[in-house]
Amino acid sequence: MVISFASVFLNILRFFFCYQRDEKKPCQICGNNANDDFIMTCFKCRVTREHIYCAKVLFKAVPDMWLCEECRTSRGVIFINHDEASASNQQSDSESAK
């Protein structure tokens, strides 16, 4: 197997180009890149980034799945209130037992 200098050089360039593109983007609320461990990225669009302390809803930690306001309000996203869902399930269970 022959490896040319050009192919090695191109692979190195690709690595650095990809590395620079993956730089962390700042919080879209405050514009700061500090405390990157506290920045959450929208699970759906993968574009919106906000610190947990800059978001409209404050979080104690970065959630595994978070949707930005635009993705939350777009069509196709359904929110389920677990309290209401369990109450309606209990009501339908009691009606079916009659």
C-alpha atoms as a PDB file:
ATOM      1  CA  MET A   1       0.000   0.000   0.000  1.00  0.00           C
ATOM      2  CA  VAL A   2       1.484   3.290  -1.100  1.00  0.00           C
ATOM      3  CA  ILE A   3       0.505   6.441   0.757  1.00  0.00           C
ATOM      4  CA  SER A   4       1.287   9.663  -1.007  1.00  0.00           C
ATOM      5  CA  PHE A   5       2.329  12.852   0.687  1.00  0.00           C
ATOM      6  CA  ALA A   6      -0.582  14.640  -0.993  1.00  0.00           C
ATOM      7  CA  SER A   7      -3.193  12.287   0.480  1.00  0.00           C
ATOM      8  CA  VAL A   8      -1.706  12.655   3.974  1.00  0.00           C
ATOM      9  CA  PHE A   9      -1.645  16.432   3.568  1.00  0.00           C
ATOM     10  CA  LEU A  10      -5.281  16.479   2.394  1.00  0.00           C
ATOM     11  CA  ASN A  11      -6.352  14.378   5.378  1.00  0.00           C
ATOM     12  CA  ILE A  12      -4.584  16.781   7.734  1.00  0.00           C
ATOM     13  CA  LEU A  13      -6.301  19.744   6.072  1.00  0.00           C
ATOM     14  CA  ARG A  14      -9.705  18.026   6.360  1.00  0.00           C
ATOM     15  CA  PHE A  15      -9.086  17.342  10.042  1.00  0.00           C
ATOM     16  CA  PHE A  16      -8.234  20.971  10.827  1.00  0.00           C
ATOM     17  CA  PHE A  17     -11.058  22.304   8.650  1.00  0.00           C
ATOM     18  CA  CYS A  18     -13.602  20.080  10.426  1.00  0.00           C
ATOM     19  CA  TYR A  19     -12.115  20.937  13.816  1.00  0.00           C
ATOM     20  CA  GLN A  20     -12.523  24.667  13.171  1.00  0.00           C
ATOM     21  CA  ARG A  21     -16.109  24.202  12.005  1.00  0.00           C
ATOM     22  CA  ASP A  22     -16.954  22.358  15.234  1.00  0.00           C
ATOM     23  CA  GLU A  23     -15.948  25.298  17.424  1.00  0.00           C
ATOM     24  CA  LYS A  24     -18.498  25.964  20.110  1.00  0.00           C
ATOM     25  CA  LYS A  25     -20.948  28.693  19.205  1.00  0.00           C
ATOM     26  CA  PRO A  26     -22.007  31.247  21.821  1.00  0.00           C
ATOM     27  CA  CYS A  27     -25.274  31.483  23.717  1.00  0.00           C
ATOM     28  CA  GLN A  28     -27.854  33.182  21.505  1.00  0.00           C
ATOM     29  CA  ILE A  29     -29.291  35.119  24.452  1.00  0.00           C
ATOM     30  CA  CYS A  30     -26.179  36.717  25.998  1.00  0.00           C
ATOM     31  CA  GLY A  31     -23.724  36.145  23.126  1.00  0.00           C
ATOM     32  CA  ASN A  32     -21.142  34.731  25.524  1.00  0.00           C
ATOM     33  CA  ASN A  33     -19.152  31.557  24.970  1.00  0.00           C
ATOM     34  CA  ALA A  34     -18.157  31.216  28.644  1.00  0.00           C
ATOM     35  CA  ASN A  35     -19.449  28.334  30.767  1.00  0.00           C
ATOM     36  CA  ASP A  36     -19.848  26.090  27.738  1.00  0.00           C
ATOM     37  CA  ASP A  37     -20.771  23.220  30.062  1.00  0.00           C
ATOM     38  CA  PHE A  38     -23.975  25.122  30.845  1.00  0.00           C
ATOM     39  CA  ILE A  39     -25.034  25.715  27.229  1.00  0.00           C
ATOM     40  CA  MET A  40     -27.830  23.536  25.870  1.00  0.00           C
ATOM     41  CA  THR A  41     -28.367  22.924  22.164  1.00  0.00           C
ATOM     42  CA  CYS A  42     -31.837  22.406  20.702  1.00  0.00           C
ATOM     43  CA  PHE A  43     -32.480  18.704  20.155  1.00  0.00           C
ATOM     44  CA  LYS A  44     -34.558  19.306  17.010  1.00  0.00           C
ATOM     45  CA  CYS A  45     -32.844  22.058  14.998  1.00  0.00           C
ATOM     46  CA  ARG A  46     -29.334  21.679  16.481  1.00  0.00           C
ATOM     47  CA  VAL A  47     -28.818  25.415  15.867  1.00  0.00           C
ATOM     48  CA  THR A  48     -30.179  27.278  18.888  1.00  0.00           C
ATOM     49  CA  ARG A  49     -27.817  27.404  21.859  1.00  0.00           C
ATOM     50  CA  GLU A  50     -28.673  28.942  25.243  1.00  0.00           C
ATOM     51  CA  HIS A  51     -27.127  28.901  28.698  1.00  0.00           C
ATOM     52  CA  ILE A  52     -29.371  27.178  31.224  1.00  0.00           C
ATOM     53  CA  TYR A  53     -29.409  30.440  33.199  1.00  0.00           C
ATOM     54  CA  CYS A  54     -30.244  32.627  30.154  1.00  0.00           C
ATOM     55  CA  ALA A  55     -33.245  30.599  28.957  1.00  0.00           C
ATOM     56  CA  LYS A  56     -36.805  31.709  29.746  1.00  0.00           C
ATOM     57  CA  VAL A  57     -37.221  28.576  31.850  1.00  0.00           C
ATOM     58  CA  LEU A  58     -34.354  28.147  34.306  1.00  0.00           C
ATOM     59  CA  PHE A  59     -32.765  24.722  34.587  1.00  0.00           C
ATOM     60  CA  LYS A  60     -30.540  23.359  37.344  1.00  0.00           C
ATOM     61  CA  ALA A  61     -28.584  21.268  34.834  1.00  0.00           C
ATOM     62  CA  VAL A  62     -28.368  20.858  31.073  1.00  0.00           C
ATOM     63  CA  PRO A  63     -31.248  18.550  30.073  1.00  0.00           C
ATOM     64  CA  ASP A  64     -30.651  15.553  27.813  1.00  0.00           C
ATOM     65  CA  MET A  65     -33.326  16.791  25.413  1.00  0.00           C
ATOM     66  CA  TRP A  66     -34.282  20.461  25.088  1.00  0.00           C
ATOM     67  CA  LEU A  67     -36.296  22.241  22.402  1.00  0.00           C
ATOM     68  CA  CYS A  68     -35.809  25.918  21.631  1.00  0.00           C
ATOM     69  CA  GLU A  69     -38.837  28.196  21.586  1.00  0.00           C
ATOM     70  CA  GLU A  70     -39.089  28.147  17.794  1.00  0.00           C
ATOM     71  CA  CYS A  71     -39.053  24.339  17.615  1.00  0.00           C
ATOM     72  CA  ARG A  72     -41.437  24.054  20.579  1.00  0.00           C
ATOM     73  CA  THR A  73     -44.020  26.282  18.927  1.00  0.00           C
ATOM     74  CA  SER A  74     -43.678  24.797  15.441  1.00  0.00           C
ATOM     75  CA  ARG A  75     -46.222  22.309  14.153  1.00  0.00           C
ATOM     76  CA  GLY A  76     -45.682  18.677  14.913  1.00  0.00           C
ATOM     77  CA  VAL A  77     -44.525  19.067  18.504  1.00  0.00           C
ATOM     78  CA  ILE A  78     -47.009  17.746  21.031  1.00  0.00           C
ATOM     79  CA  PHE A  79     -46.782  18.438  24.742  1.00  0.00           C
ATOM     80  CA  ILE A  80     -48.299  16.054  27.226  1.00  0.00           C
ATOM     81  CA  ASN A  81     -49.108  17.166  30.737  1.00  0.00           C
ATOM     82  CA  HIS A  82     -48.449  13.998  32.719  1.00  0.00           C
ATOM     83  CA  ASP A  83     -50.865  15.020  35.497  1.00  0.00           C
ATOM     84  CA  GLU A  84     -53.750  15.470  33.052  1.00  0.00           C
ATOM     85  CA  ALA A  85     -52.848  12.272  31.185  1.00  0.00           C
ATOM     86  CA  SER A  86     -52.829  10.172  34.345  1.00  0.00           C
ATOM     87  CA  ALA A  87     -56.110  11.759  35.515  1.00  0.00           C
ATOM     88  CA  SER A  88     -57.821  10.971  32.202  1.00  0.00           C
ATOM     89  CA  ASN A  89     -56.440   7.410  32.290  1.00  0.00           C
ATOM     90  CA  GLN A  90     -57.788   6.917  35.811  1.00  0.00           C
ATOM     91  CA  GLN A  91     -61.159   8.327  34.752  1.00  0.00           C
ATOM     92  CA  SER A  92     -61.373   6.022  31.713  1.00  0.00           C
ATOM     93  CA  ASP A  93     -60.299   3.050  33.872  1.00  0.00           C
ATOM     94  CA  SER A  94     -63.075   3.751  36.378  1.00  0.00           C
ATOM     95  CA  GLU A  95     -65.632   4.142  33.569  1.00  0.00           C
ATOM     96  CA  SER A  96     -64.604   0.843  31.974  1.00  0.00           C
ATOM     97  CA  ALA A  97     -64.914  -0.948  35.327  1.00  0.00           C
ATOM     98  CA  LYS A  98     -68.622   0.015  35.576  1.00  0.00           C
END
